[in-house]
Protein backbone atom coordinates (compact mmCIF):
# COMPACT_ATOMS: atom_id res chain seq x y z
CA MET A 1 -25.23 -21.40 -35.63
CA LYS A 2 -27.26 -18.59 -37.03
CA GLU A 3 -25.55 -15.87 -39.00
CA GLY A 4 -26.95 -13.25 -36.62
CA TYR A 5 -28.88 -13.04 -33.36
CA ASP A 6 -31.43 -10.50 -32.16
CA PHE A 7 -30.78 -9.43 -28.56
CA SER A 8 -33.14 -6.43 -28.62
CA ASN A 9 -35.64 -8.16 -26.27
CA SER A 10 -33.02 -9.65 -23.93
CA ILE A 11 -32.81 -8.80 -20.23
CA LYS A 12 -29.70 -8.07 -18.21
CA ASN A 13 -28.34 -11.01 -16.23
CA PRO A 14 -29.60 -10.51 -12.63
CA TYR A 15 -26.65 -12.46 -11.22
CA THR A 16 -23.84 -10.29 -12.58
CA LYS A 17 -23.60 -8.38 -9.30
CA LYS A 18 -23.04 -11.67 -7.48
CA LEU A 19 -20.05 -12.70 -9.58
CA LYS A 20 -16.88 -13.49 -7.69
CA GLN A 21 -13.32 -12.86 -8.70
CA GLN A 22 -10.67 -15.43 -7.99
CA ILE A 23 -7.55 -13.99 -6.37
CA SER A 24 -4.45 -15.28 -4.70
CA ILE A 25 -4.02 -14.21 -1.08
CA ARG A 26 -1.50 -15.08 1.60
CA LEU A 27 -3.02 -15.83 4.98
CA ASP A 28 -1.45 -16.93 8.23
CA ILE A 29 -1.78 -20.64 8.92
CA GLU A 30 -3.53 -19.83 12.21
CA THR A 31 -6.12 -17.76 10.36
CA ILE A 32 -6.82 -20.53 7.87
CA ASN A 33 -7.05 -23.10 10.67
CA TYR A 34 -9.53 -20.87 12.54
CA PHE A 35 -11.85 -20.70 9.55
CA LYS A 36 -11.42 -24.43 8.84
CA GLU A 37 -12.46 -25.23 12.44
CA LEU A 38 -15.41 -22.88 12.10
CA SER A 39 -16.22 -24.63 8.83
CA ASN A 40 -16.37 -27.99 10.61
CA GLU A 41 -18.75 -26.53 13.21
CA THR A 42 -21.05 -24.77 10.75
CA GLY A 43 -20.87 -26.98 7.67
CA ILE A 44 -20.06 -23.93 5.55
CA PRO A 45 -16.89 -24.20 3.41
CA TYR A 46 -14.06 -22.20 4.97
CA GLN A 47 -13.52 -20.07 1.85
CA ASN A 48 -17.19 -19.06 1.98
CA LEU A 49 -16.79 -18.18 5.67
CA ILE A 50 -13.80 -15.97 4.91
CA ASN A 51 -15.77 -14.26 2.13
CA LEU A 52 -18.80 -13.79 4.42
CA PHE A 53 -16.61 -12.28 7.13
CA LEU A 54 -14.88 -9.89 4.73
CA ALA A 55 -18.19 -8.95 3.09
CA ASP A 56 -19.62 -8.13 6.54
CA CYS A 57 -16.58 -5.95 7.30
CA ALA A 58 -16.98 -4.14 3.97
CA THR A 59 -20.73 -3.63 4.47
CA ARG A 60 -20.17 -2.15 7.94
CA HIS A 61 -17.13 -0.16 6.75
CA LEU A 62 -14.95 -1.72 9.44
CA ARG A 63 -11.27 -0.85 9.41
CA PRO A 64 -8.51 -2.83 11.06
CA LYS A 65 -6.94 -1.37 14.17
CA ILE A 66 -3.28 -1.18 13.22
CA ALA A 67 -0.57 0.17 15.50
CA TRP A 68 2.70 0.53 13.62
CA LYS A 69 5.84 0.21 15.67
CA SER A 70 8.15 3.16 15.35
CA ASN A 71 11.70 2.37 14.21
CA SER A 72 13.02 5.74 15.30
CA LYS A 73 15.37 5.79 18.27
CA ALA A 74 15.38 8.66 20.72
CA GLY A 75 18.81 10.19 20.79
């Protein structure tokens, strides 16, 4: 190895924005099975399909429709 390197003419890596971060996530078995079936139909790995779906949701700023059940009892 050289004692020093000159990076003054280097260019920024164009792929840094496309980096992915590995995480651990808990999904329902039915959800995983859905994407695995879709994977068999499309030939796209199921983890890629999940990422594509979530990326589409994020791009379109979709929010889940959540209705929380109230635990309060009328008295």
